[in-house]
Amino acid sequence: GRLTPSETVLSSLGWSSVSQHQKKTKAVFMFKALNGMTPPHITALFTPSANTHSHNTRHSSQGGLQLPRARLQYKKRSFSFSGAALWNSLPPQLKVARSVSAFKNYYNQEYIHYENTS
């Protein structure tokens, strides 16, 4: 899409927008939650798709998460829903990073480019 004047300035400085920064922060937190780096009550908010049925699908084999039921819009803004939806939107190779720093590096190098081209 078209960039707003502020996005053009941020892009020329090599900075991310507030929404991109929030998305990256949530993605990093999701990585930590799914790799045992957060308290158990945070990890318990998310269910891997592989745990919800017995057949193997591309979604479950690529580290996808089951989205909680959300009939109302406010539920879709909850962390359990929005975090799982964000995680599911990430490329598979990003989900299997071996460390937080590797995840952040890959996210900065590849996903921002992927996000800006899709």
PDB file of N, CA and C in Angstrom:
ATOM      1  N   GLY A   1       0.802  -1.185   0.000  1.00  0.00           N
ATOM      2  CA  GLY A   1       0.000   0.000   0.000  1.00  0.00           C
ATOM      3  C   GLY A   1       0.855   1.263   0.000  1.00  0.00           C
ATOM      4  N   ARG A   2       0.192   2.363  -0.012  1.00  0.00           N
ATOM      5  CA  ARG A   2       0.853   3.673   0.012  1.00  0.00           C
ATOM      6  C   ARG A   2       1.283   4.029   1.413  1.00  0.00           C
ATOM      7  N   LEU A   3       2.441   4.659   1.530  1.00  0.00           N
ATOM      8  CA  LEU A   3       2.944   5.094   2.818  1.00  0.00           C
ATOM      9  C   LEU A   3       2.419   6.489   3.145  1.00  0.00           C
ATOM     10  N   THR A   4       2.096   6.712   4.415  1.00  0.00           N
ATOM     11  CA  THR A   4       1.722   8.047   4.861  1.00  0.00           C
ATOM     12  C   THR A   4       2.997   8.870   4.989  1.00  0.00           C
ATOM     13  N   PRO A   5       2.885  10.203   5.081  1.00  0.00           N
ATOM     14  CA  PRO A   5       4.097  11.020   5.240  1.00  0.00           C
ATOM     15  C   PRO A   5       4.963  10.604   6.438  1.00  0.00           C
ATOM     16  N   SER A   6       4.335  10.273   7.554  1.00  0.00           N
ATOM     17  CA  SER A   6       5.127   9.862   8.720  1.00  0.00           C
ATOM     18  C   SER A   6       5.809   8.522   8.478  1.00  0.00           C
ATOM     19  N   GLU A   7       5.136   7.602   7.786  1.00  0.00           N
ATOM     20  CA  GLU A   7       5.755   6.313   7.476  1.00  0.00           C
ATOM     21  C   GLU A   7       6.930   6.488   6.522  1.00  0.00           C
ATOM     22  N   THR A   8       6.819   7.440   5.596  1.00  0.00           N
ATOM     23  CA  THR A   8       7.908   7.717   4.664  1.00  0.00           C
ATOM     24  C   THR A   8       9.135   8.206   5.420  1.00  0.00           C
ATOM     25  N   VAL A   9       8.930   9.120   6.377  1.00  0.00           N
ATOM     26  CA  VAL A   9      10.038   9.645   7.179  1.00  0.00           C
ATOM     27  C   VAL A   9      10.645   8.530   8.030  1.00  0.00           C
ATOM     28  N   LEU A  10       9.799   7.764   8.706  1.00  0.00           N
ATOM     29  CA  LEU A  10      10.297   6.662   9.541  1.00  0.00           C
ATOM     30  C   LEU A  10      11.094   5.670   8.708  1.00  0.00           C
ATOM     31  N   SER A  11      10.575   5.334   7.538  1.00  0.00           N
ATOM     32  CA  SER A  11      11.254   4.392   6.656  1.00  0.00           C
ATOM     33  C   SER A  11      12.609   4.927   6.206  1.00  0.00           C
ATOM     34  N   SER A  12      12.673   6.221   5.884  1.00  0.00           N
ATOM     35  CA  SER A  12      13.942   6.805   5.438  1.00  0.00           C
ATOM     36  C   SER A  12      14.988   6.818   6.551  1.00  0.00           C
ATOM     37  N   LEU A  13      14.527   6.852   7.807  1.00  0.00           N
ATOM     38  CA  LEU A  13      15.438   6.818   8.953  1.00  0.00           C
ATOM     39  C   LEU A  13      15.777   5.393   9.376  1.00  0.00           C
ATOM     40  N   GLY A  14      15.099   4.415   8.772  1.00  0.00           N
ATOM     41  CA  GLY A  14      15.313   3.023   9.150  1.00  0.00           C
ATOM     42  C   GLY A  14      14.586   2.652  10.430  1.00  0.00           C
ATOM     43  N   TRP A  15      13.563   3.426  10.790  1.00  0.00           N
ATOM     44  CA  TRP A  15      12.785   3.176  12.000  1.00  0.00           C
ATOM     45  C   TRP A  15      11.479   2.487  11.630  1.00  0.00           C
ATOM     46  N   SER A  16      10.911   1.776  12.575  1.00  0.00           N
ATOM     47  CA  SER A  16       9.620   1.150  12.332  1.00  0.00           C
ATOM     48  C   SER A  16       8.513   2.033  12.907  1.00  0.00           C
ATOM     49  N   SER A  17       7.317   1.846  12.387  1.00  0.00           N
ATOM     50  CA  SER A  17       6.167   2.593  12.894  1.00  0.00           C
ATOM     51  C   SER A  17       5.788   2.033  14.261  1.00  0.00           C
ATOM     52  N   VAL A  18       4.946   2.751  14.964  1.00  0.00           N
ATOM     53  CA  VAL A  18       4.496   2.292  16.283  1.00  0.00           C
ATOM     54  C   VAL A  18       3.793   0.944  16.149  1.00  0.00           C
ATOM     55  N   SER A  19       2.950   0.794  15.136  1.00  0.00           N
ATOM     56  CA  SER A  19       2.228  -0.476  14.976  1.00  0.00           C
ATOM     57  C   SER A  19       3.184  -1.623  14.645  1.00  0.00           C
ATOM     58  N   GLN A  20       4.217  -1.350  13.820  1.00  0.00           N
ATOM     59  CA  GLN A  20       5.204  -2.399  13.527  1.00  0.00           C
ATOM     60  C   GLN A  20       5.979  -2.770  14.793  1.00  0.00           C
ATOM     61  N   HIS A  21       6.319  -1.788  15.609  1.00  0.00           N
ATOM     62  CA  HIS A  21       7.043  -2.039  16.851  1.00  0.00           C
ATOM     63  C   HIS A  21       6.186  -2.873  17.810  1.00  0.00           C
ATOM     64  N   GLN A  22       4.905  -2.530  17.914  1.00  0.00           N
ATOM     65  CA  GLN A  22       4.003  -3.287  18.779  1.00  0.00           C
ATOM     66  C   GLN A  22       3.867  -4.727  18.291  1.00  0.00           C
ATOM     67  N   LYS A  23       3.785  -4.888  16.992  1.00  0.00           N
ATOM     68  CA  LYS A  23       3.658  -6.233  16.412  1.00  0.00           C
ATOM     69  C   LYS A  23       4.914  -7.057  16.690  1.00  0.00           C
ATOM     70  N   LYS A  24       6.087  -6.441  16.530  1.00  0.00           N
ATOM     71  CA  LYS A  24       7.337  -7.153  16.803  1.00  0.00           C
ATOM     72  C   LYS A  24       7.421  -7.519  18.283  1.00  0.00           C
ATOM     73  N   THR A  25       7.073  -6.584  19.169  1.00  0.00           N
ATOM     74  CA  THR A  25       7.107  -6.848  20.606  1.00  0.00           C
ATOM     75  C   THR A  25       6.194  -8.019  20.955  1.00  0.00           C
ATOM     76  N   LYS A  26       5.004  -8.053  20.367  1.00  0.00           N
ATOM     77  CA  LYS A  26       4.073  -9.158  20.622  1.00  0.00           C
ATOM     78  C   LYS A  26       4.632 -10.467  20.064  1.00  0.00           C
ATOM     79  N   ALA A  27       5.244 -10.415  18.880  1.00  0.00           N
ATOM     80  CA  ALA A  27       5.822 -11.619  18.274  1.00  0.00           C
ATOM     81  C   ALA A  27       6.945 -12.178  19.152  1.00  0.00           C
ATOM     82  N   VAL A  28       7.805 -11.308  19.674  1.00  0.00           N
ATOM     83  CA  VAL A  28       8.899 -11.747  20.554  1.00  0.00           C
ATOM     84  C   VAL A  28       8.321 -12.356  21.827  1.00  0.00           C
ATOM     85  N   PHE A  29       7.290 -11.733  22.377  1.00  0.00           N
ATOM     86  CA  PHE A  29       6.666 -12.278  23.582  1.00  0.00           C
ATOM     87  C   PHE A  29       6.044 -13.642  23.299  1.00  0.00           C
ATOM     88  N   MET A  30       5.438 -13.786  22.123  1.00  0.00           N
ATOM     89  CA  MET A  30       4.873 -15.087  21.744  1.00  0.00           C
ATOM     90  C   MET A  30       5.969 -16.132  21.648  1.00  0.00           C
ATOM     91  N   PHE A  31       7.109 -15.769  21.047  1.00  0.00           N
ATOM     92  CA  PHE A  31       8.234 -16.700  20.957  1.00  0.00           C
ATOM     93  C   PHE A  31       8.641 -17.153  22.358  1.00  0.00           C
ATOM     94  N   LYS A  32       8.751 -16.203  23.265  1.00  0.00           N
ATOM     95  CA  LYS A  32       9.137 -16.533  24.646  1.00  0.00           C
ATOM     96  C   LYS A  32       8.088 -17.425  25.303  1.00  0.00           C
ATOM     97  N   ALA A  33       6.811 -17.086  25.116  1.00  0.00           N
ATOM     98  CA  ALA A  33       5.737 -17.870  25.739  1.00  0.00           C
ATOM     99  C   ALA A  33       5.728 -19.310  25.241  1.00  0.00           C
ATOM    100  N   LEU A  34       5.991 -19.506  23.958  1.00  0.00           N
ATOM    101  CA  LEU A  34       5.928 -20.848  23.387  1.00  0.00           C
ATOM    102  C   LEU A  34       7.218 -21.646  23.576  1.00  0.00           C
ATOM    103  N   ASN A  35       8.223 -20.989  24.117  1.00  0.00           N
ATOM    104  CA  ASN A  35       9.496 -21.667  24.362  1.00  0.00           C
ATOM    105  C   ASN A  35       9.857 -21.690  25.847  1.00  0.00           C
ATOM    106  N   GLY A  36       8.842 -21.599  26.709  1.00  0.00           N
ATOM    107  CA  GLY A  36       9.038 -21.756  28.141  1.00  0.00           C
ATOM    108  C   GLY A  36       9.793 -20.633  28.824  1.00  0.00           C
ATOM    109  N   MET A  37       9.743 -19.434  28.268  1.00  0.00           N
ATOM    110  CA  MET A  37      10.473 -18.301  28.853  1.00  0.00           C
ATOM    111  C   MET A  37       9.550 -17.306  29.545  1.00  0.00           C
ATOM    112  N   THR A  38       8.317 -17.704  29.772  1.00  0.00           N
ATOM    113  CA  THR A  38       7.351 -16.874  30.495  1.00  0.00           C
ATOM    114  C   THR A  38       6.725 -17.729  31.592  1.00  0.00           C
ATOM    115  N   PRO A  39       6.030 -17.107  32.546  1.00  0.00           N
ATOM    116  CA  PRO A  39       5.350 -17.903  33.582  1.00  0.00           C
ATOM    117  C   PRO A  39       4.348 -18.872  32.953  1.00  0.00           C
ATOM    118  N   PRO A  40       4.121 -20.005  33.617  1.00  0.00           N
ATOM    119  CA  PRO A  40       3.216 -21.032  33.069  1.00  0.00           C
ATOM    120  C   PRO A  40       1.815 -20.531  32.724  1.00  0.00           C
ATOM    121  N   HIS A  41       1.288 -19.559  33.474  1.00  0.00           N
ATOM    122  CA  HIS A  41      -0.071 -19.091  33.172  1.00  0.00           C
ATOM    123  C   HIS A  41      -0.138 -18.362  31.829  1.00  0.00           C
ATOM    124  N   ILE A  42       0.976 -17.830  31.354  1.00  0.00           N
ATOM    125  CA  ILE A  42       1.012 -17.208  30.022  1.00  0.00           C
ATOM    126  C   ILE A  42       1.063 -18.301  28.956  1.00  0.00           C
ATOM    127  N   THR A  43       1.944 -19.258  29.142  1.00  0.00           N
ATOM    128  CA  THR A  43       2.069 -20.373  28.191  1.00  0.00           C
ATOM    129  C   THR A  43       0.739 -21.112  28.057  1.00  0.00           C
ATOM    130  N   ALA A  44      -0.003 -21.228  29.164  1.00  0.00           N
ATOM    131  CA  ALA A  44      -1.271 -21.962  29.164  1.00  0.00           C
ATOM    132  C   ALA A  44      -2.350 -21.287  28.315  1.00  0.00           C
ATOM    133  N   LEU A  45      -2.146 -20.044  27.926  1.00  0.00           N
ATOM    134  CA  LEU A  45      -3.128 -19.345  27.086  1.00  0.00           C
ATOM    135  C   LEU A  45      -3.170 -19.888  25.663  1.00  0.00           C
ATOM    136  N   PHE A  46      -2.146 -20.650  25.267  1.00  0.00           N
ATOM    137  CA  PHE A  46      -2.003 -21.060  23.875  1.00  0.00           C
ATOM    138  C   PHE A  46      -1.980 -22.573  23.736  1.00  0.00           C
ATOM    139  N   THR A  47      -2.688 -23.061  22.714  1.00  0.00           N
ATOM    140  CA  THR A  47      -2.753 -24.495  22.448  1.00  0.00           C
ATOM    141  C   THR A  47      -2.222 -24.751  21.035  1.00  0.00           C
ATOM    142  N   PRO A  48      -1.128 -25.515  20.928  1.00  0.00           N
ATOM    143  CA  PRO A  48      -0.640 -25.867  19.588  1.00  0.00           C
ATOM    144  C   PRO A  48      -1.708 -26.640  18.815  1.00  0.00           C
ATOM    145  N   SER A  49      -1.841 -26.348  17.532  1.00  0.00           N
ATOM    146  CA  SER A  49      -2.837 -27.044  16.701  1.00  0.00           C
ATOM    147  C   SER A  49      -2.611 -28.553  16.713  1.00  0.00           C
ATOM    148  N   ALA A  50      -1.358 -28.972  16.821  1.00  0.00           N
ATOM    149  CA  ALA A  50      -1.045 -30.400  16.840  1.00  0.00           C
ATOM    150  C   ALA A  50      -1.688 -31.095  18.037  1.00  0.00           C
ATOM    151  N   ASN A  51      -2.005 -30.355  19.108  1.00  0.00           N
ATOM    152  CA  ASN A  51      -2.614 -30.941  20.302  1.00  0.00           C
ATOM    153  C   ASN A  51      -4.123 -31.037  20.220  1.00  0.00           C
ATOM    154  N   THR A  52      -4.740 -30.470  19.184  1.00  0.00           N
ATOM    155  CA  THR A  52      -6.199 -30.421  19.128  1.00  0.00           C
ATOM    156  C   THR A  52      -6.830 -31.511  18.272  1.00  0.00           C
ATOM    157  N   HIS A  53      -6.026 -32.174  17.470  1.00  0.00           N
ATOM    158  CA  HIS A  53      -6.556 -33.280  16.657  1.00  0.00           C
ATOM    159  C   HIS A  53      -5.433 -34.259  16.351  1.00  0.00           C
ATOM    160  N   SER A  54      -5.827 -35.453  15.920  1.00  0.00           N
ATOM    161  CA  SER A  54      -4.834 -36.504  15.722  1.00  0.00           C
ATOM    162  C   SER A  54      -4.190 -36.498  14.335  1.00  0.00           C
ATOM    163  N   HIS A  55      -4.798 -35.866  13.349  1.00  0.00           N
ATOM    164  CA  HIS A  55      -4.215 -35.883  12.006  1.00  0.00           C
ATOM    165  C   HIS A  55      -3.248 -34.713  11.816  1.00  0.00           C
ATOM    166  N   ASN A  56      -2.214 -34.980  11.038  1.00  0.00           N
ATOM    167  CA  ASN A  56      -1.171 -33.989  10.800  1.00  0.00           C
ATOM    168  C   ASN A  56      -1.576 -33.095   9.631  1.00  0.00           C
ATOM    169  N   THR A  57      -1.547 -31.800   9.859  1.00  0.00           N
ATOM    170  CA  THR A  57      -1.846 -30.847   8.793  1.00  0.00           C
ATOM    171  C   THR A  57      -0.650 -29.921   8.627  1.00  0.00           C
ATOM    172  N   ARG A  58      -0.632 -29.192   7.513  1.00  0.00           N
ATOM    173  CA  ARG A  58       0.464 -28.252   7.296  1.00  0.00           C
ATOM    174  C   ARG A  58       0.489 -27.219   8.419  1.00  0.00           C
ATOM    175  N   HIS A  59      -0.686 -26.751   8.849  1.00  0.00           N
ATOM    176  CA  HIS A  59      -0.781 -25.750   9.915  1.00  0.00           C
ATOM    177  C   HIS A  59      -0.192 -26.293  11.217  1.00  0.00           C
ATOM    178  N   SER A  60      -0.544 -27.517  11.577  1.00  0.00           N
ATOM    179  CA  SER A  60      -0.046 -28.071  12.846  1.00  0.00           C
ATOM    180  C   SER A  60       1.430 -28.408  12.762  1.00  0.00           C
ATOM    181  N   SER A  61       1.907 -28.840  11.602  1.00  0.00           N
ATOM    182  CA  SER A  61       3.317 -29.199  11.476  1.00  0.00           C
ATOM    183  C   SER A  61       4.217 -27.971  11.387  1.00  0.00           C
ATOM    184  N   GLN A  62       3.633 -26.803  11.123  1.00  0.00           N
ATOM    185  CA  GLN A  62       4.422 -25.574  11.033  1.00  0.00           C
ATOM    186  C   GLN A  62       4.325 -24.737  12.305  1.00  0.00           C
ATOM    187  N   GLY A  63       3.938 -25.359  13.408  1.00  0.00           N
ATOM    188  CA  GLY A  63       3.917 -24.656  14.683  1.00  0.00           C
ATOM    189  C   GLY A  63       2.726 -23.745  14.875  1.00  0.00           C
ATOM    190  N   GLY A  64       1.625 -24.036  14.181  1.00  0.00           N
ATOM    191  CA  GLY A  64       0.425 -23.205  14.306  1.00  0.00           C
ATOM    192  C   GLY A  64      -0.244 -23.374  15.661  1.00  0.00           C
ATOM    193  N   LEU A  65      -1.012 -22.371  16.041  1.00  0.00           N
ATOM    194  CA  LEU A  65      -1.746 -22.388  17.302  1.00  0.00           C
ATOM    195  C   LEU A  65      -3.244 -22.401  17.029  1.00  0.00           C
ATOM    196  N   GLN A  66      -3.965 -23.070  17.910  1.00  0.00           N
ATOM    197  CA  GLN A  66      -5.417 -23.076  17.847  1.00  0.00           C
ATOM    198  C   GLN A  66      -5.913 -21.698  18.273  1.00  0.00           C
ATOM    199  N   LEU A  67      -6.790 -21.088  17.484  1.00  0.00           N
ATOM    200  CA  LEU A  67      -7.364 -19.801  17.873  1.00  0.00           C
ATOM    201  C   LEU A  67      -8.527 -20.052  18.823  1.00  0.00           C
ATOM    202  N   PRO A  68      -8.565 -19.329  19.957  1.00  0.00           N
ATOM    203  CA  PRO A  68      -9.709 -19.504  20.862  1.00  0.00           C
ATOM    204  C   PRO A  68     -10.978 -18.980  20.205  1.00  0.00           C
ATOM    205  N   ARG A  69     -12.115 -19.501  20.635  1.00  0.00           N
ATOM    206  CA  ARG A  69     -13.394 -19.018  20.100  1.00  0.00           C
ATOM    207  C   ARG A  69     -13.537 -17.544  20.428  1.00  0.00           C
ATOM    208  N   ALA A  70     -13.942 -16.776  19.448  1.00  0.00           N
ATOM    209  CA  ALA A  70     -14.107 -15.332  19.654  1.00  0.00           C
ATOM    210  C   ALA A  70     -15.271 -14.838  18.819  1.00  0.00           C
ATOM    211  N   ARG A  71     -16.437 -14.828  19.422  1.00  0.00           N
ATOM    212  CA  ARG A  71     -17.614 -14.347  18.696  1.00  0.00           C
ATOM    213  C   ARG A  71     -17.692 -12.818  18.711  1.00  0.00           C
ATOM    214  N   LEU A  72     -17.192 -12.231  19.770  1.00  0.00           N
ATOM    215  CA  LEU A  72     -17.277 -10.780  19.909  1.00  0.00           C
ATOM    216  C   LEU A  72     -15.942 -10.126  19.573  1.00  0.00           C
ATOM    217  N   GLN A  73     -16.015  -8.897  19.078  1.00  0.00           N
ATOM    218  CA  GLN A  73     -14.825  -8.181  18.642  1.00  0.00           C
ATOM    219  C   GLN A  73     -13.833  -7.964  19.782  1.00  0.00           C
ATOM    220  N   TYR A  74     -14.318  -7.691  20.996  1.00  0.00           N
ATOM    221  CA  TYR A  74     -13.391  -7.448  22.101  1.00  0.00           C
ATOM    222  C   TYR A  74     -12.560  -8.688  22.414  1.00  0.00           C
ATOM    223  N   LYS A  75     -13.108  -9.871  22.211  1.00  0.00           N
ATOM    224  CA  LYS A  75     -12.354 -11.108  22.440  1.00  0.00           C
ATOM    225  C   LYS A  75     -11.230 -11.253  21.414  1.00  0.00           C
ATOM    226  N   LYS A  76     -11.478 -10.773  20.193  1.00  0.00           N
ATOM    227  CA  LYS A  76     -10.451 -10.852  19.151  1.00  0.00           C
ATOM    228  C   LYS A  76      -9.282  -9.922  19.449  1.00  0.00           C
ATOM    229  N   ARG A  77      -9.490  -8.933  20.308  1.00  0.00           N
ATOM    230  CA  ARG A  77      -8.407  -8.041  20.709  1.00  0.00           C
ATOM    231  C   ARG A  77      -7.656  -8.568  21.930  1.00  0.00           C
ATOM    232  N   SER A  78      -8.133  -9.650  22.521  1.00  0.00           N
ATOM    233  CA  SER A  78      -7.462 -10.216  23.691  1.00  0.00           C
ATOM    234  C   SER A  78      -6.109 -10.785  23.281  1.00  0.00           C
ATOM    235  N   PHE A  79      -5.204 -10.874  24.237  1.00  0.00           N
ATOM    236  CA  PHE A  79      -3.868 -11.377  23.943  1.00  0.00           C
ATOM    237  C   PHE A  79      -3.908 -12.831  23.489  1.00  0.00           C
ATOM    238  N   SER A  80      -4.787 -13.646  24.093  1.00  0.00           N
ATOM    239  CA  SER A  80      -4.825 -15.063  23.719  1.00  0.00           C
ATOM    240  C   SER A  80      -5.227 -15.242  22.254  1.00  0.00           C
ATOM    241  N   PHE A  81      -6.099 -14.396  21.750  1.00  0.00           N
ATOM    242  CA  PHE A  81      -6.519 -14.499  20.352  1.00  0.00           C
ATOM    243  C   PHE A  81      -5.537 -13.785  19.423  1.00  0.00           C
ATOM    244  N   SER A  82      -5.245 -12.516  19.728  1.00  0.00           N
ATOM    245  CA  SER A  82      -4.390 -11.740  18.819  1.00  0.00           C
ATOM    246  C   SER A  82      -2.966 -12.286  18.780  1.00  0.00           C
ATOM    247  N   GLY A  83      -2.475 -12.796  19.908  1.00  0.00           N
ATOM    248  CA  GLY A  83      -1.142 -13.391  19.930  1.00  0.00           C
ATOM    249  C   GLY A  83      -1.076 -14.655  19.087  1.00  0.00           C
ATOM    250  N   ALA A  84      -2.095 -15.504  19.220  1.00  0.00           N
ATOM    251  CA  ALA A  84      -2.137 -16.736  18.425  1.00  0.00           C
ATOM    252  C   ALA A  84      -2.286 -16.419  16.935  1.00  0.00           C
ATOM    253  N   ALA A  85      -3.131 -15.440  16.609  1.00  0.00           N
ATOM    254  CA  ALA A  85      -3.323 -15.066  15.198  1.00  0.00           C
ATOM    255  C   ALA A  85      -2.028 -14.509  14.610  1.00  0.00           C
ATOM    256  N   LEU A  86      -1.324 -13.681  15.380  1.00  0.00           N
ATOM    257  CA  LEU A  86      -0.053 -13.141  14.906  1.00  0.00           C
ATOM    258  C   LEU A  86       0.952 -14.278  14.695  1.00  0.00           C
ATOM    259  N   TRP A  87       1.052 -15.181  15.670  1.00  0.00           N
ATOM    260  CA  TRP A  87       1.985 -16.302  15.560  1.00  0.00           C
ATOM    261  C   TRP A  87       1.685 -17.126  14.311  1.00  0.00           C
ATOM    262  N   ASN A  88       0.412 -17.387  14.063  1.00  0.00           N
ATOM    263  CA  ASN A  88       0.029 -18.181  12.894  1.00  0.00           C
ATOM    264  C   ASN A  88       0.370 -17.474  11.580  1.00  0.00           C
ATOM    265  N   SER A  89       0.463 -16.148  11.604  1.00  0.00           N
ATOM    266  CA  SER A  89       0.768 -15.410  10.384  1.00  0.00           C
ATOM    267  C   SER A  89       2.267 -15.353  10.080  1.00  0.00           C
ATOM    268  N   LEU A  90       3.100 -15.761  11.030  1.00  0.00           N
ATOM    269  CA  LEU A  90       4.546 -15.697  10.832  1.00  0.00           C
ATOM    270  C   LEU A  90       5.022 -16.820   9.914  1.00  0.00           C
ATOM    271  N   PRO A  91       6.066 -16.572   9.134  1.00  0.00           N
ATOM    272  CA  PRO A  91       6.625 -17.635   8.285  1.00  0.00           C
ATOM    273  C   PRO A  91       7.165 -18.780   9.150  1.00  0.00           C
ATOM    274  N   PRO A  92       7.043 -20.026   8.698  1.00  0.00           N
ATOM    275  CA  PRO A  92       7.482 -21.186   9.491  1.00  0.00           C
ATOM    276  C   PRO A  92       8.940 -21.102   9.937  1.00  0.00           C
ATOM    277  N   GLN A  93       9.827 -20.602   9.087  1.00  0.00           N
ATOM    278  CA  GLN A  93      11.244 -20.564   9.446  1.00  0.00           C
ATOM    279  C   GLN A  93      11.513 -19.598  10.602  1.00  0.00           C
ATOM    280  N   LEU A  94      10.659 -18.622  10.803  1.00  0.00           N
ATOM    281  CA  LEU A  94      10.809 -17.700  11.924  1.00  0.00           C
ATOM    282  C   LEU A  94      10.430 -18.376  13.239  1.00  0.00           C
ATOM    283  N   LYS A  95       9.423 -19.233  13.203  1.00  0.00           N
ATOM    284  CA  LYS A  95       8.923 -19.893  14.412  1.00  0.00           C
ATOM    285  C   LYS A  95       9.924 -20.868  15.026  1.00  0.00           C
ATOM    286  N   VAL A  96      10.879 -21.332  14.242  1.00  0.00           N
ATOM    287  CA  VAL A  96      11.815 -22.342  14.755  1.00  0.00           C
ATOM    288  C   VAL A  96      13.178 -21.761  15.119  1.00  0.00           C
ATOM    289  N   ALA A  97      13.251 -20.455  15.303  1.00  0.00           N
ATOM    290  CA  ALA A  97      14.514 -19.841  15.730  1.00  0.00           C
ATOM    291  C   ALA A  97      14.977 -20.497  17.024  1.00  0.00           C
ATOM    292  N   ARG A  98      16.292 -20.565  17.223  1.00  0.00           N
ATOM    293  CA  ARG A  98      16.853 -21.265  18.380  1.00  0.00           C
ATOM    294  C   ARG A  98      17.022 -20.396  19.618  1.00  0.00           C
ATOM    295  N   SER A  99      16.888 -19.072  19.459  1.00  0.00           N
ATOM    296  CA  SER A  99      17.034 -18.169  20.604  1.00  0.00           C
ATOM    297  C   SER A  99      16.237 -16.899  20.348  1.00  0.00           C
ATOM    298  N   VAL A 100      16.047 -16.124  21.412  1.00  0.00           N
ATOM    299  CA  VAL A 100      15.333 -14.859  21.277  1.00  0.00           C
ATOM    300  C   VAL A 100      16.094 -13.924  20.338  1.00  0.00           C
ATOM    301  N   SER A 101      17.415 -13.868  20.484  1.00  0.00           N
ATOM    302  CA  SER A 101      18.182 -12.961  19.619  1.00  0.00           C
ATOM    303  C   SER A 101      18.113 -13.411  18.162  1.00  0.00           C
ATOM    304  N   ALA A 102      18.144 -14.707  17.906  1.00  0.00           N
ATOM    305  CA  ALA A 102      18.011 -15.203  16.528  1.00  0.00           C
ATOM    306  C   ALA A 102      16.621 -14.864  15.983  1.00  0.00           C
ATOM    307  N   PHE A 103      15.591 -15.007  16.818  1.00  0.00           N
ATOM    308  CA  PHE A 103      14.228 -14.669  16.422  1.00  0.00           C
ATOM    309  C   PHE A 103      14.140 -13.191  16.046  1.00  0.00           C
ATOM    310  N   LYS A 104      14.686 -12.324  16.916  1.00  0.00           N
ATOM    311  CA  LYS A 104      14.645 -10.876  16.652  1.00  0.00           C
ATOM    312  C   LYS A 104      15.410 -10.527  15.381  1.00  0.00           C
ATOM    313  N   ASN A 105      16.590 -11.116  15.208  1.00  0.00           N
ATOM    314  CA  ASN A 105      17.384 -10.834  14.013  1.00  0.00           C
ATOM    315  C   ASN A 105      16.640 -11.254  12.754  1.00  0.00           C
ATOM    316  N   TYR A 106      16.093 -12.468  12.760  1.00  0.00           N
ATOM    317  CA  TYR A 106      15.370 -12.946  11.590  1.00  0.00           C
ATOM    318  C   TYR A 106      14.142 -12.073  11.343  1.00  0.00           C
ATOM    319  N   TYR A 107      13.436 -11.726  12.404  1.00  0.00           N
ATOM    320  CA  TYR A 107      12.247 -10.884  12.269  1.00  0.00           C
ATOM    321  C   TYR A 107      12.629  -9.561  11.612  1.00  0.00           C
ATOM    322  N   ASN A 108      13.692  -8.929  12.118  1.00  0.00           N
ATOM    323  CA  ASN A 108      14.126  -7.637  11.571  1.00  0.00           C
ATOM    324  C   ASN A 108      14.555  -7.745  10.117  1.00  0.00           C
ATOM    325  N   GLN A 109      15.266  -8.801   9.776  1.00  0.00           N
ATOM    326  CA  GLN A 109      15.800  -8.949   8.420  1.00  0.00           C
ATOM    327  C   GLN A 109      14.750  -9.400   7.418  1.00  0.00           C
ATOM    328  N   GLU A 110      13.997 -10.399   7.787  1.00  0.00           N
ATOM    329  CA  GLU A 110      13.125 -11.055   6.815  1.00  0.00           C
ATOM    330  C   GLU A 110      11.658 -10.701   6.944  1.00  0.00           C
ATOM    331  N   TYR A 111      11.118 -10.722   8.162  1.00  0.00           N
ATOM    332  CA  TYR A 111       9.687 -10.569   8.292  1.00  0.00           C
ATOM    333  C   TYR A 111       9.233  -9.168   7.974  1.00  0.00           C
ATOM    334  N   ILE A 112       9.981  -8.159   8.374  1.00  0.00           N
ATOM    335  CA  ILE A 112       9.591  -6.782   8.048  1.00  0.00           C
ATOM    336  C   ILE A 112       9.527  -6.646   6.529  1.00  0.00           C
ATOM    337  N   HIS A 113      10.513  -7.214   5.812  1.00  0.00           N
ATOM    338  CA  HIS A 113      10.490  -7.188   4.347  1.00  0.00           C
ATOM    339  C   HIS A 113       9.273  -7.960   3.829  1.00  0.00           C
ATOM    340  N   TYR A 114       9.019  -9.150   4.385  1.00  0.00           N
ATOM    341  CA  TYR A 114       7.884 -10.003   4.000  1.00  0.00           C
ATOM    342  C   TYR A 114       6.573  -9.243   4.215  1.00  0.00           C
ATOM    343  N   GLU A 115       6.464  -8.566   5.371  1.00  0.00           N
ATOM    344  CA  GLU A 115       5.267  -7.827   5.726  1.00  0.00           C
ATOM    345  C   GLU A 115       5.052  -6.657   4.761  1.00  0.00           C
ATOM    346  N   ASN A 116       6.126  -5.967   4.381  1.00  0.00           N
ATOM    347  CA  ASN A 116       6.003  -4.806   3.509  1.00  0.00           C
ATOM    348  C   ASN A 116       5.717  -5.180   2.058  1.00  0.00           C
ATOM    349  N   THR A 117       5.982  -6.434   1.674  1.00  0.00           N
ATOM    350  CA  THR A 117       5.734  -6.845   0.288  1.00  0.00           C
ATOM    351  C   THR A 117       4.421  -7.590   0.136  1.00  0.00           C
ATOM    352  N   SER A 118       3.781  -7.952   1.238  1.00  0.00           N
ATOM    353  CA  SER A 118       2.516  -8.702   1.100  1.00  0.00           C
ATOM    354  C   SER A 118       1.322  -7.808   1.305  1.00  0.00           C
TER     355      SER A 118
END
